Amino acid sequence: MRKIFFIYSIGSLSFVSAVAYFWFPILWSMYVIIPLILCGIYDILQAKHTLWRNFPVIGRGRWIMEILRPPIHQYFVESNTDGTPINRMFRSVVYQRAKGQRDTVPFGTKLNVYRTGYEWMDHSLSALHDQEINHDLRVMVGGSECDKPYHASLLNISAMSFGALSQNAILALNGGSKIGGFAHNTGEGSVSPYHLMPGGILFGK
């Protein structure tokens, strides 16, 4: 490859010199050709990088691609649900909440809930009574130095508005949230009179 470099270097200088006899402005190309030739000569003489020495000038393309690879992968290859340890979808939620913007996404999740390994919880037709549950499903958020610690529930009812459901559905869901002691997200429809009837624990949007 070094032999090819010298051939192209001598050929480029000869070609520009010959054309300059008829068209003088081509000498401006020397501002590009000469630095490349000097860079190639340096690559051949240095002993730190074997790749540069064997492939002068073009061997530097590997370092250029390594610099360009992360942004290209992040913005053009990686999907919203890829990426570790935190994917773009969850990062966007953090950014939106930090800026006080709306962090909800319409039309459900972007995750493939049918893929192998995805876990979820189904409703049971023979659910246990609350007396049969021996462990607490709540966790304290905030330590001893926190002025207003919050006793949060691990299980909650997600956002479903009254307009998307019905009177009986809201009564059943909010009644269940009262029995279980967890939050009921009212959705974009806000609080209706049916949310208040069983005295459930509300979490409005």
N, C-alpha and C. Protein backbone atom coordinates (compact mmCIF):
# COMPACT_ATOMS: atom_id res chain seq x y z
N MET A 1 0.83 -1.20 0.00
CA MET A 1 0.00 0.00 0.00
C MET A 1 0.87 1.26 0.00
N ARG A 2 2.06 1.18 0.61
CA ARG A 2 2.97 2.32 0.60
C ARG A 2 3.46 2.62 -0.81
N LYS A 3 3.66 1.57 -1.59
CA LYS A 3 4.08 1.76 -2.98
C LYS A 3 3.00 2.48 -3.77
N ILE A 4 1.76 2.10 -3.54
CA ILE A 4 0.65 2.76 -4.22
C ILE A 4 0.55 4.22 -3.81
N PHE A 5 0.84 4.48 -2.53
CA PHE A 5 0.80 5.86 -2.05
C PHE A 5 1.80 6.73 -2.79
N PHE A 6 3.03 6.22 -2.96
CA PHE A 6 4.05 7.01 -3.66
C PHE A 6 3.69 7.20 -5.13
N ILE A 7 3.10 6.17 -5.72
CA ILE A 7 2.70 6.29 -7.13
C ILE A 7 1.64 7.36 -7.29
N TYR A 8 0.63 7.34 -6.42
CA TYR A 8 -0.42 8.34 -6.51
C TYR A 8 0.10 9.73 -6.17
N SER A 9 1.02 9.82 -5.23
CA SER A 9 1.56 11.13 -4.85
C SER A 9 2.33 11.75 -6.02
N ILE A 10 3.23 10.96 -6.61
CA ILE A 10 4.01 11.48 -7.74
C ILE A 10 3.10 11.76 -8.94
N GLY A 11 2.11 10.86 -9.15
CA GLY A 11 1.19 11.07 -10.26
C GLY A 11 0.35 12.32 -10.09
N SER A 12 -0.11 12.58 -8.86
CA SER A 12 -0.93 13.77 -8.61
C SER A 12 -0.13 15.05 -8.84
N LEU A 13 1.12 15.09 -8.31
CA LEU A 13 1.95 16.27 -8.51
C LEU A 13 2.27 16.49 -9.97
N SER A 14 2.54 15.41 -10.69
CA SER A 14 2.84 15.53 -12.12
C SER A 14 1.63 16.00 -12.90
N PHE A 15 0.48 15.46 -12.59
CA PHE A 15 -0.74 15.85 -13.30
C PHE A 15 -1.08 17.32 -13.07
N VAL A 16 -0.99 17.76 -11.83
CA VAL A 16 -1.31 19.17 -11.53
C VAL A 16 -0.31 20.10 -12.20
N SER A 17 0.96 19.70 -12.18
CA SER A 17 1.99 20.55 -12.82
C SER A 17 1.76 20.65 -14.32
N ALA A 18 1.35 19.54 -14.94
CA ALA A 18 1.13 19.56 -16.38
C ALA A 18 -0.10 20.39 -16.75
N VAL A 19 -1.18 20.23 -15.99
CA VAL A 19 -2.40 20.98 -16.26
C VAL A 19 -2.21 22.46 -15.97
N ALA A 20 -1.37 22.79 -14.97
CA ALA A 20 -1.13 24.19 -14.61
C ALA A 20 -0.49 24.97 -15.76
N TYR A 21 0.18 24.27 -16.64
CA TYR A 21 0.79 24.94 -17.80
C TYR A 21 -0.28 25.54 -18.71
N PHE A 22 -1.50 24.87 -18.72
CA PHE A 22 -2.59 25.37 -19.55
C PHE A 22 -3.65 26.10 -18.72
N TRP A 23 -3.80 25.66 -17.46
CA TRP A 23 -4.86 26.26 -16.61
C TRP A 23 -4.29 26.48 -15.22
N PHE A 24 -3.85 27.67 -14.97
CA PHE A 24 -3.12 28.01 -13.75
C PHE A 24 -3.93 27.80 -12.46
N PRO A 25 -5.23 28.06 -12.44
CA PRO A 25 -5.98 27.91 -11.16
C PRO A 25 -5.95 26.52 -10.55
N ILE A 26 -5.56 25.51 -11.32
CA ILE A 26 -5.53 24.16 -10.73
C ILE A 26 -4.49 24.04 -9.62
N LEU A 27 -3.58 24.98 -9.57
CA LEU A 27 -2.57 24.95 -8.50
C LEU A 27 -3.19 25.11 -7.11
N TRP A 28 -4.42 25.65 -7.04
CA TRP A 28 -5.10 25.73 -5.75
C TRP A 28 -5.32 24.35 -5.13
N SER A 29 -5.38 23.32 -5.95
CA SER A 29 -5.56 21.97 -5.43
C SER A 29 -4.37 21.50 -4.61
N MET A 30 -3.23 22.19 -4.75
CA MET A 30 -2.06 21.83 -3.96
C MET A 30 -2.29 22.02 -2.46
N TYR A 31 -3.21 22.91 -2.12
CA TYR A 31 -3.54 23.11 -0.71
C TYR A 31 -4.14 21.85 -0.09
N VAL A 32 -4.66 20.96 -0.93
CA VAL A 32 -5.21 19.69 -0.45
C VAL A 32 -4.21 18.56 -0.67
N ILE A 33 -3.57 18.55 -1.83
CA ILE A 33 -2.68 17.43 -2.18
C ILE A 33 -1.43 17.41 -1.30
N ILE A 34 -0.79 18.55 -1.13
CA ILE A 34 0.46 18.58 -0.38
C ILE A 34 0.27 18.18 1.09
N PRO A 35 -0.76 18.70 1.81
CA PRO A 35 -0.96 18.21 3.19
C PRO A 35 -1.22 16.71 3.27
N LEU A 36 -1.93 16.15 2.28
CA LEU A 36 -2.17 14.71 2.29
C LEU A 36 -0.88 13.93 2.07
N ILE A 37 -0.02 14.43 1.18
CA ILE A 37 1.27 13.76 0.94
C ILE A 37 2.14 13.83 2.18
N LEU A 38 2.19 15.00 2.82
CA LEU A 38 2.98 15.13 4.05
C LEU A 38 2.44 14.23 5.15
N CYS A 39 1.11 14.11 5.23
CA CYS A 39 0.50 13.23 6.23
C CYS A 39 0.88 11.78 5.96
N GLY A 40 0.87 11.39 4.67
CA GLY A 40 1.25 10.02 4.31
C GLY A 40 2.70 9.73 4.62
N ILE A 41 3.59 10.70 4.37
CA ILE A 41 5.00 10.50 4.67
C ILE A 41 5.21 10.35 6.18
N TYR A 42 4.48 11.16 6.95
CA TYR A 42 4.57 11.03 8.41
C TYR A 42 4.09 9.65 8.86
N ASP A 43 2.99 9.16 8.26
CA ASP A 43 2.46 7.85 8.64
C ASP A 43 3.47 6.75 8.35
N ILE A 44 4.20 6.86 7.26
CA ILE A 44 5.18 5.84 6.89
C ILE A 44 6.38 5.86 7.83
N LEU A 45 6.79 7.05 8.24
CA LEU A 45 7.99 7.18 9.08
C LEU A 45 7.74 6.88 10.55
N GLN A 46 6.51 7.09 11.03
CA GLN A 46 6.22 6.87 12.45
C GLN A 46 6.17 5.37 12.74
N ALA A 47 6.40 5.01 14.00
CA ALA A 47 6.44 3.59 14.39
C ALA A 47 5.44 3.25 15.47
N LYS A 48 4.48 4.14 15.73
CA LYS A 48 3.52 3.90 16.80
C LYS A 48 2.32 3.11 16.31
N HIS A 49 1.84 3.39 15.12
CA HIS A 49 0.65 2.73 14.58
C HIS A 49 1.02 1.95 13.32
N THR A 50 0.91 0.64 13.41
CA THR A 50 1.23 -0.20 12.25
C THR A 50 0.24 0.04 11.11
N LEU A 51 -1.00 0.27 11.46
CA LEU A 51 -2.02 0.50 10.43
C LEU A 51 -1.71 1.75 9.62
N TRP A 52 -1.27 2.81 10.27
CA TRP A 52 -0.91 4.04 9.54
C TRP A 52 0.31 3.79 8.65
N ARG A 53 1.28 3.04 9.16
CA ARG A 53 2.51 2.80 8.41
C ARG A 53 2.25 1.95 7.17
N ASN A 54 1.37 0.96 7.29
CA ASN A 54 1.08 0.09 6.15
C ASN A 54 0.06 0.69 5.19
N PHE A 55 -0.83 1.55 5.72
CA PHE A 55 -1.86 2.17 4.90
C PHE A 55 -1.84 3.68 5.13
N PRO A 56 -0.83 4.37 4.60
CA PRO A 56 -0.72 5.82 4.86
C PRO A 56 -1.95 6.58 4.38
N VAL A 57 -2.36 7.55 5.17
CA VAL A 57 -3.51 8.42 4.94
C VAL A 57 -4.83 7.68 5.13
N ILE A 58 -5.09 6.66 4.28
CA ILE A 58 -6.40 5.99 4.36
C ILE A 58 -6.54 5.16 5.63
N GLY A 59 -5.41 4.80 6.27
CA GLY A 59 -5.49 4.07 7.52
C GLY A 59 -6.11 4.89 8.64
N ARG A 60 -6.06 6.21 8.49
CA ARG A 60 -6.68 7.07 9.49
C ARG A 60 -8.20 7.01 9.44
N GLY A 61 -8.72 6.46 8.37
CA GLY A 61 -10.17 6.34 8.26
C GLY A 61 -10.78 5.50 9.37
N ARG A 62 -10.00 4.55 9.90
CA ARG A 62 -10.51 3.72 11.00
C ARG A 62 -10.81 4.58 12.21
N TRP A 63 -9.92 5.51 12.55
CA TRP A 63 -10.14 6.38 13.70
C TRP A 63 -11.32 7.33 13.45
N ILE A 64 -11.45 7.77 12.22
CA ILE A 64 -12.58 8.65 11.88
C ILE A 64 -13.89 7.91 12.06
N MET A 65 -13.95 6.66 11.59
CA MET A 65 -15.17 5.87 11.72
C MET A 65 -15.47 5.55 13.17
N GLU A 66 -14.44 5.34 13.99
CA GLU A 66 -14.68 5.08 15.41
C GLU A 66 -15.26 6.31 16.10
N ILE A 67 -14.89 7.50 15.63
CA ILE A 67 -15.46 8.72 16.19
C ILE A 67 -16.90 8.90 15.74
N LEU A 68 -17.19 8.56 14.48
CA LEU A 68 -18.52 8.76 13.93
C LEU A 68 -19.49 7.64 14.31
N ARG A 69 -18.97 6.47 14.68
CA ARG A 69 -19.84 5.33 14.93
C ARG A 69 -20.87 5.56 16.04
N PRO A 70 -20.47 6.07 17.24
CA PRO A 70 -21.49 6.25 18.30
C PRO A 70 -22.65 7.15 17.90
N PRO A 71 -22.41 8.36 17.35
CA PRO A 71 -23.58 9.18 16.99
C PRO A 71 -24.41 8.59 15.87
N ILE A 72 -23.75 7.92 14.89
CA ILE A 72 -24.52 7.29 13.81
C ILE A 72 -25.39 6.18 14.36
N HIS A 73 -24.82 5.37 15.26
CA HIS A 73 -25.59 4.27 15.85
C HIS A 73 -26.73 4.81 16.71
N GLN A 74 -26.48 5.88 17.45
CA GLN A 74 -27.49 6.41 18.36
C GLN A 74 -28.65 7.04 17.61
N TYR A 75 -28.36 7.79 16.55
CA TYR A 75 -29.41 8.57 15.90
C TYR A 75 -30.01 7.90 14.66
N PHE A 76 -29.33 6.91 14.07
CA PHE A 76 -29.82 6.32 12.83
C PHE A 76 -30.05 4.81 12.91
N VAL A 77 -29.42 4.13 13.86
CA VAL A 77 -29.52 2.66 13.93
C VAL A 77 -30.34 2.22 15.14
N GLU A 78 -30.04 2.78 16.30
CA GLU A 78 -30.67 2.35 17.54
C GLU A 78 -32.13 2.78 17.60
N SER A 79 -33.01 1.87 17.97
CA SER A 79 -34.42 2.19 18.11
C SER A 79 -34.71 2.79 19.47
N ASN A 80 -35.94 3.20 19.69
CA ASN A 80 -36.32 3.82 20.97
C ASN A 80 -36.26 2.84 22.13
N THR A 81 -36.38 1.55 21.83
CA THR A 81 -36.40 0.55 22.90
C THR A 81 -35.07 -0.18 23.04
N ASP A 82 -34.07 0.17 22.21
CA ASP A 82 -32.73 -0.42 22.34
C ASP A 82 -31.89 0.44 23.27
N GLY A 83 -30.67 0.03 23.44
CA GLY A 83 -29.76 0.82 24.25
C GLY A 83 -29.75 0.39 25.70
N THR A 84 -28.56 0.32 26.28
CA THR A 84 -28.40 -0.06 27.67
C THR A 84 -27.48 0.94 28.35
N PRO A 85 -27.59 1.15 29.64
CA PRO A 85 -28.54 0.50 30.55
C PRO A 85 -29.95 1.10 30.48
N ILE A 86 -30.09 2.28 29.91
CA ILE A 86 -31.40 2.93 29.81
C ILE A 86 -31.64 3.29 28.35
N ASN A 87 -32.75 2.84 27.79
CA ASN A 87 -33.01 3.11 26.38
C ASN A 87 -33.55 4.52 26.17
N ARG A 88 -33.67 4.89 24.90
CA ARG A 88 -34.08 6.24 24.53
C ARG A 88 -35.50 6.55 25.01
N MET A 89 -36.37 5.56 25.02
CA MET A 89 -37.76 5.79 25.43
C MET A 89 -37.82 6.27 26.88
N PHE A 90 -37.08 5.60 27.77
CA PHE A 90 -37.09 5.99 29.18
C PHE A 90 -36.31 7.28 29.40
N ARG A 91 -35.25 7.50 28.62
CA ARG A 91 -34.51 8.76 28.74
C ARG A 91 -35.39 9.94 28.36
N SER A 92 -36.22 9.76 27.34
CA SER A 92 -37.11 10.84 26.92
C SER A 92 -38.10 11.20 28.02
N VAL A 93 -38.57 10.19 28.75
CA VAL A 93 -39.49 10.46 29.86
C VAL A 93 -38.81 11.30 30.93
N VAL A 94 -37.54 10.97 31.24
CA VAL A 94 -36.79 11.72 32.24
C VAL A 94 -36.61 13.16 31.78
N TYR A 95 -36.25 13.36 30.51
CA TYR A 95 -36.06 14.71 29.99
C TYR A 95 -37.36 15.51 30.06
N GLN A 96 -38.46 14.88 29.67
CA GLN A 96 -39.74 15.59 29.65
C GLN A 96 -40.16 15.98 31.06
N ARG A 97 -40.00 15.08 32.01
CA ARG A 97 -40.38 15.40 33.39
C ARG A 97 -39.47 16.46 33.98
N ALA A 98 -38.18 16.43 33.64
CA ALA A 98 -37.26 17.45 34.15
C ALA A 98 -37.62 18.84 33.62
N LYS A 99 -38.19 18.89 32.42
CA LYS A 99 -38.57 20.18 31.82
C LYS A 99 -40.01 20.57 32.12
N GLY A 100 -40.71 19.72 32.88
CA GLY A 100 -42.10 20.00 33.21
C GLY A 100 -43.04 19.82 32.04
N GLN A 101 -42.65 19.02 31.05
CA GLN A 101 -43.49 18.77 29.88
C GLN A 101 -44.32 17.51 30.07
N ARG A 102 -45.28 17.31 29.20
CA ARG A 102 -46.13 16.12 29.26
C ARG A 102 -45.30 14.89 28.93
N ASP A 103 -45.39 13.87 29.77
CA ASP A 103 -44.56 12.68 29.60
C ASP A 103 -45.37 11.46 29.19
N THR A 104 -46.63 11.65 28.83
CA THR A 104 -47.46 10.51 28.42
C THR A 104 -47.41 10.35 26.90
N VAL A 105 -47.49 9.09 26.46
CA VAL A 105 -47.45 8.76 25.04
C VAL A 105 -48.76 8.08 24.64
N PRO A 106 -49.47 8.56 23.62
CA PRO A 106 -50.73 7.94 23.24
C PRO A 106 -50.53 6.59 22.57
N PHE A 107 -51.61 5.83 22.49
CA PHE A 107 -51.65 4.55 21.77
C PHE A 107 -50.79 3.47 22.42
N GLY A 108 -50.58 3.57 23.72
CA GLY A 108 -49.97 2.46 24.45
C GLY A 108 -48.46 2.41 24.37
N THR A 109 -47.92 1.26 24.76
CA THR A 109 -46.48 1.09 24.89
C THR A 109 -45.82 0.85 23.54
N LYS A 110 -44.52 1.15 23.46
CA LYS A 110 -43.72 0.88 22.26
C LYS A 110 -43.02 -0.48 22.36
N LEU A 111 -43.13 -1.11 23.49
CA LEU A 111 -42.47 -2.41 23.69
C LEU A 111 -43.26 -3.52 23.02
N ASN A 112 -42.56 -4.56 22.61
CA ASN A 112 -43.20 -5.74 22.05
C ASN A 112 -43.60 -6.66 23.20
N VAL A 113 -44.84 -6.56 23.60
CA VAL A 113 -45.30 -7.31 24.78
C VAL A 113 -45.50 -8.79 24.48
N TYR A 114 -45.35 -9.21 23.22
CA TYR A 114 -45.53 -10.62 22.86
C TYR A 114 -44.20 -11.34 22.65
N ARG A 115 -43.09 -10.64 22.81
CA ARG A 115 -41.80 -11.29 22.61
C ARG A 115 -41.49 -12.26 23.76
N THR A 116 -40.64 -13.21 23.49
CA THR A 116 -40.23 -14.17 24.51
C THR A 116 -39.43 -13.47 25.60
N GLY A 117 -39.80 -13.68 26.83
CA GLY A 117 -39.11 -13.07 27.95
C GLY A 117 -39.81 -11.85 28.52
N TYR A 118 -40.80 -11.31 27.80
CA TYR A 118 -41.54 -10.17 28.34
C TYR A 118 -42.51 -10.67 29.41
N GLU A 119 -42.54 -10.01 30.54
CA GLU A 119 -43.37 -10.45 31.66
C GLU A 119 -44.46 -9.43 31.94
N TRP A 120 -45.60 -9.92 32.34
CA TRP A 120 -46.70 -9.04 32.72
C TRP A 120 -47.56 -9.75 33.76
N MET A 121 -48.54 -9.06 34.26
CA MET A 121 -49.42 -9.62 35.28
C MET A 121 -50.86 -9.60 34.76
N ASP A 122 -51.50 -10.74 34.77
CA ASP A 122 -52.88 -10.85 34.32
C ASP A 122 -53.84 -10.82 35.52
N HIS A 123 -55.06 -10.39 35.24
CA HIS A 123 -56.10 -10.46 36.26
C HIS A 123 -56.52 -11.92 36.47
N SER A 124 -56.85 -12.25 37.67
CA SER A 124 -57.25 -13.60 38.01
C SER A 124 -58.76 -13.67 38.23
N LEU A 125 -59.38 -14.76 37.76
CA LEU A 125 -60.80 -14.97 37.99
C LEU A 125 -61.08 -15.47 39.41
N SER A 126 -60.01 -15.90 40.08
CA SER A 126 -60.17 -16.36 41.47
C SER A 126 -59.15 -15.63 42.34
N ALA A 127 -59.31 -14.33 42.41
CA ALA A 127 -58.36 -13.50 43.15
C ALA A 127 -58.44 -13.77 44.65
N LEU A 128 -57.33 -13.56 45.34
CA LEU A 128 -57.29 -13.75 46.79
C LEU A 128 -57.99 -12.59 47.49
N HIS A 129 -58.61 -12.87 48.62
CA HIS A 129 -59.16 -11.80 49.43
C HIS A 129 -58.03 -11.06 50.12
N ASP A 130 -58.29 -9.82 50.46
CA ASP A 130 -57.23 -9.03 51.07
C ASP A 130 -56.77 -9.61 52.40
N GLN A 131 -57.63 -10.39 53.07
CA GLN A 131 -57.22 -10.99 54.34
C GLN A 131 -56.18 -12.10 54.12
N GLU A 132 -56.13 -12.67 52.90
CA GLU A 132 -55.21 -13.77 52.63
C GLU A 132 -53.82 -13.28 52.25
N ILE A 133 -53.66 -11.97 52.04
CA ILE A 133 -52.37 -11.43 51.65
C ILE A 133 -51.60 -11.05 52.91
N ASN A 134 -50.46 -11.71 53.12
CA ASN A 134 -49.72 -11.55 54.36
C ASN A 134 -48.57 -10.55 54.27
N HIS A 135 -48.30 -10.02 53.09
CA HIS A 135 -47.18 -9.09 52.96
C HIS A 135 -47.66 -7.73 52.46
N ASP A 136 -46.91 -6.70 52.84
CA ASP A 136 -47.27 -5.33 52.49
C ASP A 136 -46.77 -5.02 51.09
N LEU A 137 -47.65 -4.48 50.25
CA LEU A 137 -47.29 -4.14 48.87
C LEU A 137 -47.01 -2.65 48.73
N ARG A 138 -46.48 -2.05 49.78
CA ARG A 138 -46.16 -0.63 49.73
C ARG A 138 -44.70 -0.43 50.15
N VAL A 139 -44.14 0.67 49.69
CA VAL A 139 -42.74 0.97 50.00
C VAL A 139 -42.63 2.45 50.36
N MET A 140 -41.77 2.75 51.29
CA MET A 140 -41.59 4.13 51.74
C MET A 140 -40.57 4.83 50.85
N VAL A 141 -40.97 5.96 50.29
CA VAL A 141 -40.08 6.77 49.46
C VAL A 141 -39.65 7.97 50.28
N GLY A 142 -38.38 8.03 50.63
CA GLY A 142 -37.86 9.11 51.48
C GLY A 142 -37.41 8.57 52.82
N GLY A 143 -36.21 8.96 53.23
CA GLY A 143 -35.65 8.46 54.48
C GLY A 143 -35.98 9.35 55.66
N SER A 144 -35.16 9.21 56.69
CA SER A 144 -35.41 9.95 57.94
C SER A 144 -35.22 11.45 57.77
N GLU A 145 -34.44 11.87 56.80
CA GLU A 145 -34.19 13.29 56.58
C GLU A 145 -35.22 13.94 55.66
N CYS A 146 -36.16 13.15 55.18
CA CYS A 146 -37.19 13.67 54.27
C CYS A 146 -38.33 14.28 55.09
N ASP A 147 -38.73 15.50 54.73
CA ASP A 147 -39.82 16.18 55.47
C ASP A 147 -41.18 15.54 55.20
N LYS A 148 -41.39 15.09 53.96
CA LYS A 148 -42.68 14.52 53.60
C LYS A 148 -42.47 13.19 52.87
N PRO A 149 -42.12 12.13 53.58
CA PRO A 149 -41.95 10.82 52.93
C PRO A 149 -43.29 10.32 52.40
N TYR A 150 -43.22 9.51 51.35
CA TYR A 150 -44.44 9.03 50.70
C TYR A 150 -44.47 7.50 50.77
N HIS A 151 -45.58 6.98 51.24
CA HIS A 151 -45.78 5.54 51.34
C HIS A 151 -46.43 5.07 50.05
N ALA A 152 -45.61 4.73 49.06
CA ALA A 152 -46.10 4.42 47.71
C ALA A 152 -46.45 2.95 47.58
N SER A 153 -47.44 2.70 46.75
CA SER A 153 -47.85 1.33 46.46
C SER A 153 -47.10 0.80 45.25
N LEU A 154 -46.77 -0.49 45.28
CA LEU A 154 -46.09 -1.12 44.15
C LEU A 154 -47.06 -1.47 43.03
N LEU A 155 -48.33 -1.61 43.35
CA LEU A 155 -49.35 -1.92 42.35
C LEU A 155 -50.36 -0.78 42.31
N ASN A 156 -50.64 -0.29 41.10
CA ASN A 156 -51.56 0.82 40.93
C ASN A 156 -52.40 0.61 39.67
N ILE A 157 -53.48 1.37 39.54
CA ILE A 157 -54.32 1.32 38.35
C ILE A 157 -53.86 2.40 37.38
N SER A 158 -53.53 1.99 36.16
CA SER A 158 -52.98 2.93 35.18
C SER A 158 -54.06 3.88 34.67
N ALA A 159 -53.63 4.86 33.88
CA ALA A 159 -54.51 5.94 33.42
C ALA A 159 -55.57 5.42 32.46
N MET A 160 -56.82 5.48 32.87
CA MET A 160 -57.97 5.17 32.01
C MET A 160 -59.08 6.14 32.39
N SER A 161 -59.44 7.02 31.46
CA SER A 161 -60.39 8.08 31.78
C SER A 161 -61.82 7.54 31.82
N PHE A 162 -62.67 8.33 32.43
CA PHE A 162 -64.09 7.97 32.51
C PHE A 162 -64.71 7.86 31.12
N GLY A 163 -64.29 8.74 30.21
CA GLY A 163 -64.84 8.70 28.86
C GLY A 163 -64.49 7.43 28.11
N ALA A 164 -63.36 6.82 28.45
CA ALA A 164 -62.96 5.59 27.77
C ALA A 164 -63.56 4.35 28.41
N LEU A 165 -64.11 4.50 29.62
CA LEU A 165 -64.67 3.34 30.32
C LEU A 165 -66.18 3.53 30.50
N SER A 166 -66.63 3.48 31.71
CA SER A 166 -68.05 3.66 31.99
C SER A 166 -68.22 3.90 33.48
N GLN A 167 -69.44 4.18 33.89
CA GLN A 167 -69.72 4.42 35.31
C GLN A 167 -69.38 3.21 36.14
N ASN A 168 -69.85 2.04 35.72
CA ASN A 168 -69.62 0.83 36.51
C ASN A 168 -68.14 0.46 36.57
N ALA A 169 -67.42 0.67 35.47
CA ALA A 169 -65.99 0.34 35.47
C ALA A 169 -65.23 1.23 36.44
N ILE A 170 -65.55 2.52 36.45
CA ILE A 170 -64.88 3.44 37.37
C ILE A 170 -65.18 3.08 38.81
N LEU A 171 -66.44 2.74 39.10
CA LEU A 171 -66.81 2.35 40.46
C LEU A 171 -66.06 1.11 40.90
N ALA A 172 -65.92 0.14 39.99
CA ALA A 172 -65.23 -1.11 40.33
C ALA A 172 -63.74 -0.88 40.54
N LEU A 173 -63.14 -0.12 39.64
CA LEU A 173 -61.71 0.12 39.75
C LEU A 173 -61.36 0.93 40.98
N ASN A 174 -62.12 1.99 41.23
CA ASN A 174 -61.80 2.81 42.37
C ASN A 174 -62.13 2.11 43.69
N GLY A 175 -63.17 1.28 43.67
CA GLY A 175 -63.44 0.46 44.86
C GLY A 175 -62.32 -0.50 45.14
N GLY A 176 -61.77 -1.10 44.07
CA GLY A 176 -60.64 -2.00 44.25
C GLY A 176 -59.41 -1.29 44.77
N SER A 177 -59.18 -0.06 44.28
CA SER A 177 -58.03 0.69 44.76
C SER A 177 -58.17 1.03 46.24
N LYS A 178 -59.41 1.24 46.68
CA LYS A 178 -59.63 1.51 48.10
C LYS A 178 -59.33 0.28 48.94
N ILE A 179 -59.78 -0.88 48.47
CA ILE A 179 -59.54 -2.12 49.22
C ILE A 179 -58.04 -2.44 49.26
N GLY A 180 -57.37 -2.29 48.09
CA GLY A 180 -55.96 -2.62 48.03
C GLY A 180 -55.05 -1.56 48.59
N GLY A 181 -55.56 -0.34 48.76
CA GLY A 181 -54.75 0.73 49.30
C GLY A 181 -53.73 1.26 48.32
N PHE A 182 -54.10 1.32 47.03
CA PHE A 182 -53.17 1.85 46.05
C PHE A 182 -53.83 2.94 45.22
N ALA A 183 -53.06 3.56 44.35
CA ALA A 183 -53.51 4.74 43.61
C ALA A 183 -54.29 4.36 42.37
N HIS A 184 -55.18 5.25 41.98
CA HIS A 184 -55.98 5.08 40.77
C HIS A 184 -55.77 6.31 39.90
N ASN A 185 -55.06 6.14 38.79
CA ASN A 185 -54.82 7.24 37.86
C ASN A 185 -56.11 7.48 37.07
N THR A 186 -56.66 8.68 37.19
CA THR A 186 -57.97 8.96 36.58
C THR A 186 -57.89 9.22 35.08
N GLY A 187 -56.67 9.38 34.52
CA GLY A 187 -56.56 9.66 33.10
C GLY A 187 -56.83 11.11 32.78
N GLU A 188 -56.91 11.41 31.46
CA GLU A 188 -57.08 12.81 31.06
C GLU A 188 -58.48 13.35 31.32
N GLY A 189 -59.42 12.47 31.68
CA GLY A 189 -60.77 12.93 31.96
C GLY A 189 -60.94 13.55 33.33
N SER A 190 -59.88 13.57 34.12
CA SER A 190 -59.89 14.15 35.47
C SER A 190 -60.83 13.36 36.39
N VAL A 191 -61.28 13.98 37.47
CA VAL A 191 -62.07 13.29 38.49
C VAL A 191 -63.55 13.44 38.19
N SER A 192 -64.24 12.32 38.12
CA SER A 192 -65.69 12.33 37.93
C SER A 192 -66.37 12.03 39.27
N PRO A 193 -67.66 12.26 39.40
CA PRO A 193 -68.35 11.92 40.66
C PRO A 193 -68.23 10.44 41.02
N TYR A 194 -68.06 9.59 40.02
CA TYR A 194 -67.98 8.15 40.30
C TYR A 194 -66.64 7.78 40.93
N HIS A 195 -65.60 8.60 40.69
CA HIS A 195 -64.33 8.35 41.34
C HIS A 195 -64.42 8.60 42.85
N LEU A 196 -65.31 9.46 43.25
CA LEU A 196 -65.40 9.86 44.65
C LEU A 196 -66.36 9.01 45.46
N MET A 197 -67.24 8.28 44.80
CA MET A 197 -68.29 7.55 45.52
C MET A 197 -67.75 6.48 46.45
N PRO A 198 -66.81 5.58 45.99
CA PRO A 198 -66.31 4.56 46.93
C PRO A 198 -65.25 5.09 47.89
N GLY A 199 -64.80 6.33 47.66
CA GLY A 199 -63.73 6.85 48.53
C GLY A 199 -62.37 6.29 48.23
N GLY A 200 -62.15 5.99 46.96
CA GLY A 200 -60.86 5.43 46.59
C GLY A 200 -59.75 6.45 46.64
N ILE A 201 -58.51 5.98 46.44
CA ILE A 201 -57.33 6.83 46.47
C ILE A 201 -57.06 7.28 45.05
N LEU A 202 -57.13 8.58 44.81
CA LEU A 202 -57.05 9.09 43.46
C LEU A 202 -55.63 9.55 43.13
N PHE A 203 -55.31 9.49 41.85
CA PHE A 203 -54.06 10.04 41.35
C PHE A 203 -54.38 10.65 39.99
N GLY A 204 -54.86 11.88 39.96
CA GLY A 204 -55.33 12.50 38.73
C GLY A 204 -54.20 13.00 37.86
N LYS A 205 -54.52 13.30 36.59
CA LYS A 205 -53.52 13.79 35.65
C LYS A 205 -53.76 15.27 35.39
